[in-house]
Amino acid sequence: MEILWYLLVGLVIGVLARLILPGKENMGWIMTILLGALGAFLAGNLGHWVGWYDFPSWIGFVAALVVAIILIALYDWLKSR
């Protein structure tokens, strides 16, 4: 059930991250969802492990969005090289 939650939140976070990033990212919706879900997973587990917040929470959502933006920018940079 937790994996489904991360995928659902990852969809929203991935779409928001692509809207926030300037320029055109050359990736499909599947990669957007996967990178958004990975951002949600990493930010949620890191925040919980450190004791800053539990996921889902608003601060966890913002942290996941920031991590997803970083992951999408990194993916785009690596793909362009």
C-alpha atoms as a PDB file:
ATOM      1  CA  MET A   1       0.000   0.000   0.000  1.00  0.00           C
ATOM      2  CA  GLU A   2       2.873   2.370   0.756  1.00  0.00           C
ATOM      3  CA  ILE A   3       4.333   1.850  -2.727  1.00  0.00           C
ATOM      4  CA  LEU A   4       1.006   2.818  -4.290  1.00  0.00           C
ATOM      5  CA  TRP A   5       0.956   5.965  -2.140  1.00  0.00           C
ATOM      6  CA  TYR A   6       4.472   6.929  -3.275  1.00  0.00           C
ATOM      7  CA  LEU A   7       3.509   6.372  -6.926  1.00  0.00           C
ATOM      8  CA  LEU A   8       0.370   8.490  -6.586  1.00  0.00           C
ATOM      9  CA  VAL A   9       2.193  11.288  -4.784  1.00  0.00           C
ATOM     10  CA  GLY A  10       5.086  10.848  -7.219  1.00  0.00           C
ATOM     11  CA  LEU A  11       2.746  11.570 -10.124  1.00  0.00           C
ATOM     12  CA  VAL A  12       1.683  14.868  -8.579  1.00  0.00           C
ATOM     13  CA  ILE A  13       5.197  15.785  -7.468  1.00  0.00           C
ATOM     14  CA  GLY A  14       6.726  14.858 -10.831  1.00  0.00           C
ATOM     15  CA  VAL A  15       4.212  16.990 -12.741  1.00  0.00           C
ATOM     16  CA  LEU A  16       4.732  19.942 -10.387  1.00  0.00           C
ATOM     17  CA  ALA A  17       8.509  19.590 -10.616  1.00  0.00           C
ATOM     18  CA  ARG A  18       8.384  19.645 -14.415  1.00  0.00           C
ATOM     19  CA  LEU A  19       6.174  22.730 -14.333  1.00  0.00           C
ATOM     20  CA  ILE A  20       8.583  24.510 -11.981  1.00  0.00           C
ATOM     21  CA  LEU A  21      11.758  23.648 -13.905  1.00  0.00           C
ATOM     22  CA  PRO A  22      12.572  26.043 -16.729  1.00  0.00           C
ATOM     23  CA  GLY A  23      13.125  24.705 -20.219  1.00  0.00           C
ATOM     24  CA  LYS A  24      11.994  21.535 -21.898  1.00  0.00           C
ATOM     25  CA  GLU A  25      12.854  18.250 -20.226  1.00  0.00           C
ATOM     26  CA  ASN A  26      13.102  15.441 -22.751  1.00  0.00           C
ATOM     27  CA  MET A  27      11.399  12.676 -20.806  1.00  0.00           C
ATOM     28  CA  GLY A  28       8.074  10.923 -20.916  1.00  0.00           C
ATOM     29  CA  TRP A  29       5.357  10.650 -18.335  1.00  0.00           C
ATOM     30  CA  ILE A  30       6.605   7.303 -17.037  1.00  0.00           C
ATOM     31  CA  MET A  31      10.014   8.790 -16.185  1.00  0.00           C
ATOM     32  CA  THR A  32       8.307  11.818 -14.652  1.00  0.00           C
ATOM     33  CA  ILE A  33       6.245   9.563 -12.394  1.00  0.00           C
ATOM     34  CA  LEU A  34       9.249   7.419 -11.484  1.00  0.00           C
ATOM     35  CA  LEU A  35      11.471  10.393 -10.633  1.00  0.00           C
ATOM     36  CA  GLY A  36       8.653  12.039  -8.694  1.00  0.00           C
ATOM     37  CA  ALA A  37       8.008   8.801  -6.774  1.00  0.00           C
ATOM     38  CA  LEU A  38      11.735   8.404  -6.125  1.00  0.00           C
ATOM     39  CA  GLY A  39      11.858  11.988  -4.830  1.00  0.00           C
ATOM     40  CA  ALA A  40       8.885  11.321  -2.558  1.00  0.00           C
ATOM     41  CA  PHE A  41      10.419   8.076  -1.340  1.00  0.00           C
ATOM     42  CA  LEU A  42      13.852   9.567  -0.652  1.00  0.00           C
ATOM     43  CA  ALA A  43      12.555  12.740   0.993  1.00  0.00           C
ATOM     44  CA  GLY A  44       9.939  10.844   3.022  1.00  0.00           C
ATOM     45  CA  ASN A  45      12.358   8.246   4.332  1.00  0.00           C
ATOM     46  CA  LEU A  46      15.189  10.693   4.970  1.00  0.00           C
ATOM     47  CA  GLY A  47      12.917  13.104   6.847  1.00  0.00           C
ATOM     48  CA  HIS A  48      11.447  10.278   8.908  1.00  0.00           C
ATOM     49  CA  TRP A  49      14.860   8.747   9.600  1.00  0.00           C
ATOM     50  CA  VAL A  50      16.324  12.076  10.763  1.00  0.00           C
ATOM     51  CA  GLY A  51      13.162  12.819  12.745  1.00  0.00           C
ATOM     52  CA  TRP A  52      12.198  16.064  11.015  1.00  0.00           C
ATOM     53  CA  TYR A  53       8.755  14.994   9.776  1.00  0.00           C
ATOM     54  CA  ASP A  54       6.587  12.060   8.810  1.00  0.00           C
ATOM     55  CA  PHE A  55       5.409  11.460   5.287  1.00  0.00           C
ATOM     56  CA  PRO A  56       2.746  12.404   4.265  1.00  0.00           C
ATOM     57  CA  SER A  57       2.903  15.934   5.628  1.00  0.00           C
ATOM     58  CA  TRP A  58       3.106  19.372   4.042  1.00  0.00           C
ATOM     59  CA  ILE A  59       6.779  19.781   4.820  1.00  0.00           C
ATOM     60  CA  GLY A  60       7.373  16.270   3.504  1.00  0.00           C
ATOM     61  CA  PHE A  61       5.533  17.191   0.308  1.00  0.00           C
ATOM     62  CA  VAL A  62       7.712  20.284  -0.157  1.00  0.00           C
ATOM     63  CA  ALA A  63      10.861  18.271   0.560  1.00  0.00           C
ATOM     64  CA  ALA A  64       9.773  15.617  -1.943  1.00  0.00           C
ATOM     65  CA  LEU A  65       9.139  18.337  -4.529  1.00  0.00           C
ATOM     66  CA  VAL A  66      12.622  19.771  -4.016  1.00  0.00           C
ATOM     67  CA  VAL A  67      14.226  16.326  -4.288  1.00  0.00           C
ATOM     68  CA  ALA A  68      12.192  15.557  -7.425  1.00  0.00           C
ATOM     69  CA  ILE A  69      13.282  18.842  -9.014  1.00  0.00           C
ATOM     70  CA  ILE A  70      16.893  17.933  -8.295  1.00  0.00           C
ATOM     71  CA  LEU A  71      16.424  14.425  -9.706  1.00  0.00           C
ATOM     72  CA  ILE A  72      14.708  15.670 -12.875  1.00  0.00           C
ATOM     73  CA  ALA A  73      17.389  18.320 -13.436  1.00  0.00           C
ATOM     74  CA  LEU A  74      20.103  15.710 -12.853  1.00  0.00           C
ATOM     75  CA  TYR A  75      18.411  13.269 -15.245  1.00  0.00           C
ATOM     76  CA  ASP A  76      18.082  15.965 -17.901  1.00  0.00           C
ATOM     77  CA  TRP A  77      21.739  16.987 -17.454  1.00  0.00           C
ATOM     78  CA  LEU A  78      22.965  13.391 -17.674  1.00  0.00           C
ATOM     79  CA  LYS A  79      20.799  12.681 -20.719  1.00  0.00           C
ATOM     80  CA  SER A  80      22.096  15.767 -22.542  1.00  0.00           C
ATOM     81  CA  ARG A  81      25.744  14.718 -22.094  1.00  0.00           C
END
